[in-house]
C-alpha cells in the first residue's frame, strides 16, 4: 500500500466514482440494438442502468484515470483535486516472491530488473 494512492482504502473511499477516459469500457448491446459502453468503475447507478450487475462494481477502481496519474499526468477532478495513482500487480501476484530475497517480503525496482535480466 502506498500512502496517498488509491491503494489506500481511505483515499479510495473519498474519490467520487468516475469513468471519463473510458479506455477500458466494456461494450454491451443496448435495448435499441446499438452498442453501448459501460465500466464497473463508473457510478453504480449508471452501470446498473446500462444492464450491469451491481455486484460487479464492488471494489472496482478506475484504472484508466489512475494509470494516467501513475505516469505523471493526473486529471484535475471536479472537486479541484488531482487524480491519485494506483499501484497494481495485475495477474502476477502469485509470482511476486521471485523478486524478494530470501526471508524478505520487500523488493525494489532494481530487484525486479535484476531478476528480469537474469543477473
N, C-alpha and C. Protein backbone atom coordinates (compact mmCIF):
# COMPACT_ATOMS: atom_id res chain seq x y z
N UNK A 1 0.85 -1.18 0.00
CA UNK A 1 0.00 0.00 0.00
C UNK A 1 0.89 1.24 0.00
N UNK A 2 0.57 2.19 -0.84
CA UNK A 2 1.31 3.44 -0.92
C UNK A 2 0.43 4.56 -0.38
N UNK A 3 0.88 5.20 0.70
CA UNK A 3 0.09 6.27 1.31
C UNK A 3 -0.23 7.35 0.28
N UNK A 4 -1.47 7.81 0.28
CA UNK A 4 -1.90 8.86 -0.64
C UNK A 4 -2.33 8.36 -2.00
N UNK A 5 -2.16 7.07 -2.26
CA UNK A 5 -2.58 6.50 -3.55
C UNK A 5 -3.94 5.82 -3.39
N UNK A 6 -4.52 5.41 -4.49
CA UNK A 6 -5.82 4.73 -4.44
C UNK A 6 -5.73 3.33 -3.84
N UNK A 7 -4.52 2.84 -3.58
CA UNK A 7 -4.39 1.58 -2.86
C UNK A 7 -4.70 1.77 -1.38
N UNK A 8 -4.66 3.01 -0.91
CA UNK A 8 -5.04 3.37 0.46
C UNK A 8 -6.56 3.45 0.49
N UNK A 9 -7.20 2.57 1.24
CA UNK A 9 -8.67 2.48 1.25
C UNK A 9 -9.33 3.81 1.61
N UNK A 10 -8.75 4.56 2.52
CA UNK A 10 -9.33 5.85 2.91
C UNK A 10 -9.31 6.83 1.74
N UNK A 11 -8.23 6.84 0.97
CA UNK A 11 -8.14 7.71 -0.21
C UNK A 11 -9.15 7.26 -1.26
N UNK A 12 -9.23 5.96 -1.47
CA UNK A 12 -10.17 5.42 -2.45
C UNK A 12 -11.62 5.78 -2.09
N UNK A 13 -11.97 5.66 -0.83
CA UNK A 13 -13.34 5.94 -0.39
C UNK A 13 -13.71 7.42 -0.57
N UNK A 14 -12.73 8.31 -0.57
CA UNK A 14 -13.00 9.74 -0.75
C UNK A 14 -13.21 10.10 -2.22
N UNK A 15 -12.76 9.25 -3.13
CA UNK A 15 -12.86 9.55 -4.56
C UNK A 15 -14.28 9.31 -5.06
N UNK A 16 -14.83 10.30 -5.77
CA UNK A 16 -16.14 10.12 -6.40
C UNK A 16 -15.96 9.16 -7.58
N UNK A 17 -16.85 8.18 -7.70
CA UNK A 17 -16.76 7.23 -8.81
C UNK A 17 -16.91 7.98 -10.12
N UNK A 18 -16.00 7.73 -11.04
CA UNK A 18 -15.96 8.45 -12.29
C UNK A 18 -15.24 7.60 -13.33
N UNK A 19 -15.78 7.52 -14.52
CA UNK A 19 -15.11 6.86 -15.64
C UNK A 19 -15.25 7.80 -16.83
N UNK A 20 -14.25 8.65 -17.03
CA UNK A 20 -14.38 9.62 -18.11
C UNK A 20 -13.32 9.48 -19.20
N UNK A 21 -12.27 8.73 -18.97
CA UNK A 21 -11.31 8.46 -20.04
C UNK A 21 -11.79 7.30 -20.90
N UNK A 22 -12.37 6.32 -20.26
CA UNK A 22 -13.10 5.23 -20.93
C UNK A 22 -12.26 4.33 -21.82
N UNK A 23 -10.98 4.20 -21.55
CA UNK A 23 -10.13 3.33 -22.37
C UNK A 23 -10.48 1.85 -22.21
N UNK A 24 -10.98 1.46 -21.04
CA UNK A 24 -11.23 0.04 -20.75
C UNK A 24 -12.71 -0.30 -20.62
N UNK A 25 -13.56 0.55 -21.17
CA UNK A 25 -15.00 0.28 -21.10
C UNK A 25 -15.32 -1.05 -21.78
N UNK A 26 -16.43 -1.63 -21.38
CA UNK A 26 -16.89 -2.90 -21.95
C UNK A 26 -18.09 -2.64 -22.85
N UNK A 27 -18.08 -3.17 -24.06
CA UNK A 27 -19.25 -2.99 -24.93
C UNK A 27 -20.41 -3.88 -24.49
N UNK A 28 -21.62 -3.41 -24.72
CA UNK A 28 -22.82 -4.20 -24.46
C UNK A 28 -23.89 -3.77 -25.46
N UNK A 29 -24.87 -4.63 -25.67
CA UNK A 29 -25.96 -4.31 -26.60
C UNK A 29 -27.06 -3.59 -25.84
N UNK A 30 -27.36 -2.38 -26.29
CA UNK A 30 -28.42 -1.59 -25.67
C UNK A 30 -29.78 -2.12 -26.11
N UNK A 31 -30.84 -1.67 -25.44
CA UNK A 31 -32.20 -2.11 -25.77
C UNK A 31 -32.59 -1.77 -27.20
N UNK A 32 -32.03 -0.67 -27.73
CA UNK A 32 -32.36 -0.27 -29.11
C UNK A 32 -31.51 -1.01 -30.14
N UNK A 33 -30.68 -1.96 -29.68
CA UNK A 33 -29.87 -2.77 -30.58
C UNK A 33 -28.49 -2.18 -30.87
N UNK A 34 -28.27 -0.95 -30.50
CA UNK A 34 -26.98 -0.32 -30.73
C UNK A 34 -25.98 -0.77 -29.66
N UNK A 35 -24.72 -0.51 -29.92
CA UNK A 35 -23.67 -0.86 -28.97
C UNK A 35 -23.47 0.31 -28.01
N UNK A 36 -23.50 0.02 -26.73
CA UNK A 36 -23.20 1.00 -25.69
C UNK A 36 -21.96 0.55 -24.95
N UNK A 37 -21.51 1.37 -24.04
CA UNK A 37 -20.30 1.05 -23.28
C UNK A 37 -20.55 1.31 -21.80
N UNK A 38 -20.00 0.44 -20.97
CA UNK A 38 -20.12 0.60 -19.53
C UNK A 38 -18.81 0.20 -18.86
N UNK A 39 -18.66 0.66 -17.64
CA UNK A 39 -17.45 0.38 -16.87
C UNK A 39 -17.85 0.13 -15.42
N UNK A 40 -17.43 -0.97 -14.82
CA UNK A 40 -17.81 -1.24 -13.44
C UNK A 40 -17.22 -0.25 -12.43
N UNK A 41 -16.33 0.64 -12.89
CA UNK A 41 -15.78 1.68 -12.00
C UNK A 41 -16.55 3.00 -12.11
N UNK A 42 -17.52 3.07 -13.05
CA UNK A 42 -18.32 4.30 -13.16
C UNK A 42 -19.33 4.33 -12.02
N UNK A 43 -20.08 5.42 -11.86
CA UNK A 43 -21.10 5.44 -10.81
C UNK A 43 -22.00 4.21 -10.89
N UNK A 44 -22.27 3.61 -9.75
CA UNK A 44 -23.01 2.35 -9.70
C UNK A 44 -24.36 2.46 -10.41
N UNK A 45 -25.11 3.53 -10.16
CA UNK A 45 -26.43 3.68 -10.78
C UNK A 45 -26.33 3.71 -12.30
N UNK A 46 -25.31 4.36 -12.83
CA UNK A 46 -25.12 4.43 -14.29
C UNK A 46 -24.80 3.05 -14.85
N UNK A 47 -23.93 2.31 -14.17
CA UNK A 47 -23.55 0.97 -14.62
C UNK A 47 -24.76 0.03 -14.62
N UNK A 48 -25.54 0.07 -13.55
CA UNK A 48 -26.73 -0.78 -13.44
C UNK A 48 -27.77 -0.39 -14.49
N UNK A 49 -27.93 0.91 -14.73
CA UNK A 49 -28.89 1.38 -15.74
C UNK A 49 -28.53 0.88 -17.14
N UNK A 50 -27.26 0.56 -17.34
CA UNK A 50 -26.80 0.05 -18.62
C UNK A 50 -26.83 -1.48 -18.66
N UNK A 51 -27.47 -2.09 -17.67
CA UNK A 51 -27.61 -3.54 -17.65
C UNK A 51 -26.53 -4.27 -16.89
N UNK A 52 -25.62 -3.55 -16.27
CA UNK A 52 -24.57 -4.19 -15.49
C UNK A 52 -25.11 -4.68 -14.15
N UNK A 53 -24.41 -5.60 -13.55
CA UNK A 53 -24.79 -6.14 -12.25
C UNK A 53 -24.09 -5.35 -11.14
N UNK A 54 -24.86 -4.92 -10.15
CA UNK A 54 -24.29 -4.10 -9.07
C UNK A 54 -23.11 -4.78 -8.40
N UNK A 55 -23.17 -6.09 -8.23
CA UNK A 55 -22.06 -6.79 -7.55
C UNK A 55 -20.75 -6.68 -8.33
N UNK A 56 -20.82 -6.42 -9.63
CA UNK A 56 -19.60 -6.26 -10.43
C UNK A 56 -18.89 -4.94 -10.13
N UNK A 57 -19.55 -4.02 -9.44
CA UNK A 57 -18.95 -2.72 -9.16
C UNK A 57 -18.20 -2.68 -7.83
N UNK A 58 -18.40 -3.68 -7.01
CA UNK A 58 -17.81 -3.68 -5.67
C UNK A 58 -16.28 -3.74 -5.75
N UNK A 59 -15.65 -2.75 -5.15
CA UNK A 59 -14.18 -2.71 -5.11
C UNK A 59 -13.52 -2.32 -6.41
N UNK A 60 -14.29 -1.98 -7.42
CA UNK A 60 -13.71 -1.61 -8.72
C UNK A 60 -13.16 -0.19 -8.66
N UNK A 61 -11.96 -0.04 -9.17
CA UNK A 61 -11.30 1.26 -9.19
C UNK A 61 -11.01 1.63 -10.64
N UNK A 62 -11.02 2.91 -10.93
CA UNK A 62 -10.80 3.37 -12.29
C UNK A 62 -9.32 3.24 -12.66
N UNK A 63 -8.99 2.21 -13.43
CA UNK A 63 -7.61 2.01 -13.85
C UNK A 63 -7.17 3.05 -14.86
N UNK A 64 -8.05 3.45 -15.76
CA UNK A 64 -7.67 4.42 -16.80
C UNK A 64 -7.13 5.69 -16.17
N UNK A 65 -7.93 6.31 -15.32
CA UNK A 65 -7.51 7.57 -14.70
C UNK A 65 -6.30 7.37 -13.80
N UNK A 66 -6.28 6.30 -13.03
CA UNK A 66 -5.19 6.07 -12.09
C UNK A 66 -3.87 5.80 -12.81
N UNK A 67 -3.90 5.03 -13.88
CA UNK A 67 -2.65 4.73 -14.59
C UNK A 67 -2.11 5.95 -15.32
N UNK A 68 -3.00 6.82 -15.79
CA UNK A 68 -2.55 8.09 -16.37
C UNK A 68 -1.89 8.94 -15.27
N UNK A 69 -2.45 8.91 -14.07
CA UNK A 69 -1.83 9.62 -12.94
C UNK A 69 -0.47 9.00 -12.61
N UNK A 70 -0.35 7.67 -12.77
CA UNK A 70 0.92 6.99 -12.49
C UNK A 70 2.06 7.54 -13.34
N UNK A 71 1.77 7.96 -14.56
CA UNK A 71 2.83 8.45 -15.45
C UNK A 71 3.00 9.96 -15.34
N UNK A 72 2.41 10.56 -14.30
CA UNK A 72 2.64 11.96 -14.03
C UNK A 72 1.70 12.94 -14.71
N UNK A 73 0.57 12.44 -15.22
CA UNK A 73 -0.39 13.32 -15.89
C UNK A 73 -1.78 13.18 -15.27
N UNK A 74 -1.90 13.43 -13.96
CA UNK A 74 -3.20 13.25 -13.30
C UNK A 74 -4.23 14.25 -13.80
N UNK A 75 -5.45 13.79 -13.92
CA UNK A 75 -6.54 14.70 -14.29
C UNK A 75 -6.93 15.54 -13.08
N UNK A 76 -7.41 16.72 -13.34
CA UNK A 76 -8.00 17.55 -12.29
C UNK A 76 -9.44 17.10 -12.16
N UNK A 77 -9.84 16.66 -10.99
CA UNK A 77 -11.19 16.16 -10.74
C UNK A 77 -12.16 17.31 -10.51
N UNK A 78 -13.46 17.06 -10.64
CA UNK A 78 -14.46 18.12 -10.47
C UNK A 78 -14.36 18.87 -9.13
N UNK A 79 -13.85 18.19 -8.09
CA UNK A 79 -13.74 18.86 -6.79
C UNK A 79 -12.45 19.67 -6.65
N UNK A 80 -11.66 19.74 -7.73
CA UNK A 80 -10.43 20.53 -7.73
C UNK A 80 -9.18 19.78 -7.32
N UNK A 81 -9.32 18.53 -6.90
CA UNK A 81 -8.15 17.73 -6.53
C UNK A 81 -7.64 16.99 -7.76
N UNK A 82 -6.42 16.50 -7.67
CA UNK A 82 -5.85 15.71 -8.75
C UNK A 82 -6.14 14.23 -8.54
N UNK A 83 -6.32 13.51 -9.63
CA UNK A 83 -6.48 12.06 -9.58
C UNK A 83 -5.25 11.47 -8.92
N UNK A 84 -5.43 10.45 -8.10
CA UNK A 84 -4.32 9.79 -7.43
C UNK A 84 -3.87 8.56 -8.23
N UNK A 85 -2.64 8.15 -8.00
CA UNK A 85 -2.11 6.98 -8.69
C UNK A 85 -2.64 5.70 -8.04
N UNK A 86 -2.39 4.59 -8.69
CA UNK A 86 -2.79 3.28 -8.18
C UNK A 86 -1.68 2.29 -8.50
N UNK A 87 -1.18 1.64 -7.51
CA UNK A 87 -0.13 0.65 -7.70
C UNK A 87 -0.80 -0.70 -7.91
N UNK A 88 -0.46 -1.37 -9.01
CA UNK A 88 -1.09 -2.64 -9.34
C UNK A 88 -0.04 -3.72 -9.57
N UNK A 89 -0.44 -4.96 -9.38
CA UNK A 89 0.40 -6.11 -9.71
C UNK A 89 -0.22 -6.93 -10.83
N UNK A 90 -1.41 -6.57 -11.26
CA UNK A 90 -2.06 -7.34 -12.31
C UNK A 90 -2.25 -8.78 -11.90
N UNK A 91 -1.99 -9.69 -12.83
CA UNK A 91 -2.16 -11.12 -12.57
C UNK A 91 -0.89 -11.77 -12.02
N UNK A 92 0.10 -10.97 -11.69
CA UNK A 92 1.39 -11.51 -11.30
C UNK A 92 1.60 -11.68 -9.80
N UNK A 93 0.55 -11.54 -9.01
CA UNK A 93 0.71 -11.63 -7.56
C UNK A 93 1.34 -12.96 -7.13
N UNK A 94 0.95 -14.04 -7.79
CA UNK A 94 1.48 -15.34 -7.39
C UNK A 94 2.98 -15.47 -7.69
N UNK A 95 3.50 -14.65 -8.57
CA UNK A 95 4.91 -14.72 -8.96
C UNK A 95 5.78 -13.68 -8.26
N UNK A 96 5.19 -12.85 -7.42
CA UNK A 96 5.91 -11.71 -6.85
C UNK A 96 7.07 -12.14 -5.96
N UNK A 97 6.97 -13.31 -5.35
CA UNK A 97 8.02 -13.78 -4.46
C UNK A 97 9.38 -13.93 -5.11
N UNK A 98 9.42 -14.12 -6.41
CA UNK A 98 10.71 -14.30 -7.08
C UNK A 98 11.56 -13.03 -7.06
N UNK A 99 10.94 -11.89 -6.78
CA UNK A 99 11.69 -10.63 -6.71
C UNK A 99 12.23 -10.36 -5.31
N UNK A 100 11.77 -11.11 -4.32
CA UNK A 100 12.18 -10.89 -2.93
C UNK A 100 13.36 -11.79 -2.60
N UNK A 101 14.31 -11.24 -1.87
CA UNK A 101 15.42 -12.08 -1.42
C UNK A 101 14.93 -12.97 -0.28
N UNK A 102 15.66 -14.01 -0.02
CA UNK A 102 15.26 -15.00 0.98
C UNK A 102 14.91 -14.35 2.32
N UNK A 103 13.71 -14.65 2.82
CA UNK A 103 13.27 -14.15 4.11
C UNK A 103 12.82 -12.70 4.11
N UNK A 104 12.79 -12.05 2.98
CA UNK A 104 12.40 -10.64 2.90
C UNK A 104 11.10 -10.53 2.10
N UNK A 105 10.19 -9.68 2.54
CA UNK A 105 8.92 -9.50 1.81
C UNK A 105 8.91 -8.21 1.00
N UNK A 106 9.99 -7.45 1.04
CA UNK A 106 10.07 -6.21 0.27
C UNK A 106 11.02 -6.39 -0.90
N UNK A 107 10.80 -5.61 -1.95
CA UNK A 107 11.70 -5.63 -3.09
C UNK A 107 11.69 -4.25 -3.74
N UNK A 108 12.70 -3.98 -4.53
CA UNK A 108 12.83 -2.68 -5.19
C UNK A 108 12.74 -2.86 -6.70
N UNK A 109 12.67 -1.75 -7.40
CA UNK A 109 12.67 -1.80 -8.87
C UNK A 109 13.97 -2.44 -9.35
N UNK A 110 15.07 -2.17 -8.66
CA UNK A 110 16.36 -2.77 -9.04
C UNK A 110 16.30 -4.29 -8.91
N UNK A 111 15.62 -4.80 -7.87
CA UNK A 111 15.46 -6.25 -7.71
C UNK A 111 14.70 -6.84 -8.89
N UNK A 112 13.65 -6.17 -9.32
CA UNK A 112 12.85 -6.65 -10.44
C UNK A 112 13.69 -6.69 -11.71
N UNK A 113 14.41 -5.62 -11.98
CA UNK A 113 15.25 -5.56 -13.19
C UNK A 113 16.31 -6.65 -13.14
N UNK A 114 16.92 -6.85 -11.99
CA UNK A 114 17.95 -7.88 -11.83
C UNK A 114 17.38 -9.26 -12.18
N UNK A 115 16.20 -9.58 -11.68
CA UNK A 115 15.57 -10.88 -11.97
C UNK A 115 15.21 -10.99 -13.45
N UNK A 116 14.61 -9.94 -13.99
CA UNK A 116 14.19 -9.97 -15.39
C UNK A 116 15.37 -10.11 -16.35
N UNK A 117 16.50 -9.54 -15.99
CA UNK A 117 17.70 -9.63 -16.83
C UNK A 117 18.53 -10.86 -16.53
N UNK A 118 18.12 -11.62 -15.51
CA UNK A 118 18.83 -12.84 -15.16
C UNK A 118 20.18 -12.58 -14.52
N UNK A 119 20.34 -11.41 -13.93
CA UNK A 119 21.63 -11.05 -13.32
C UNK A 119 21.76 -11.61 -11.92
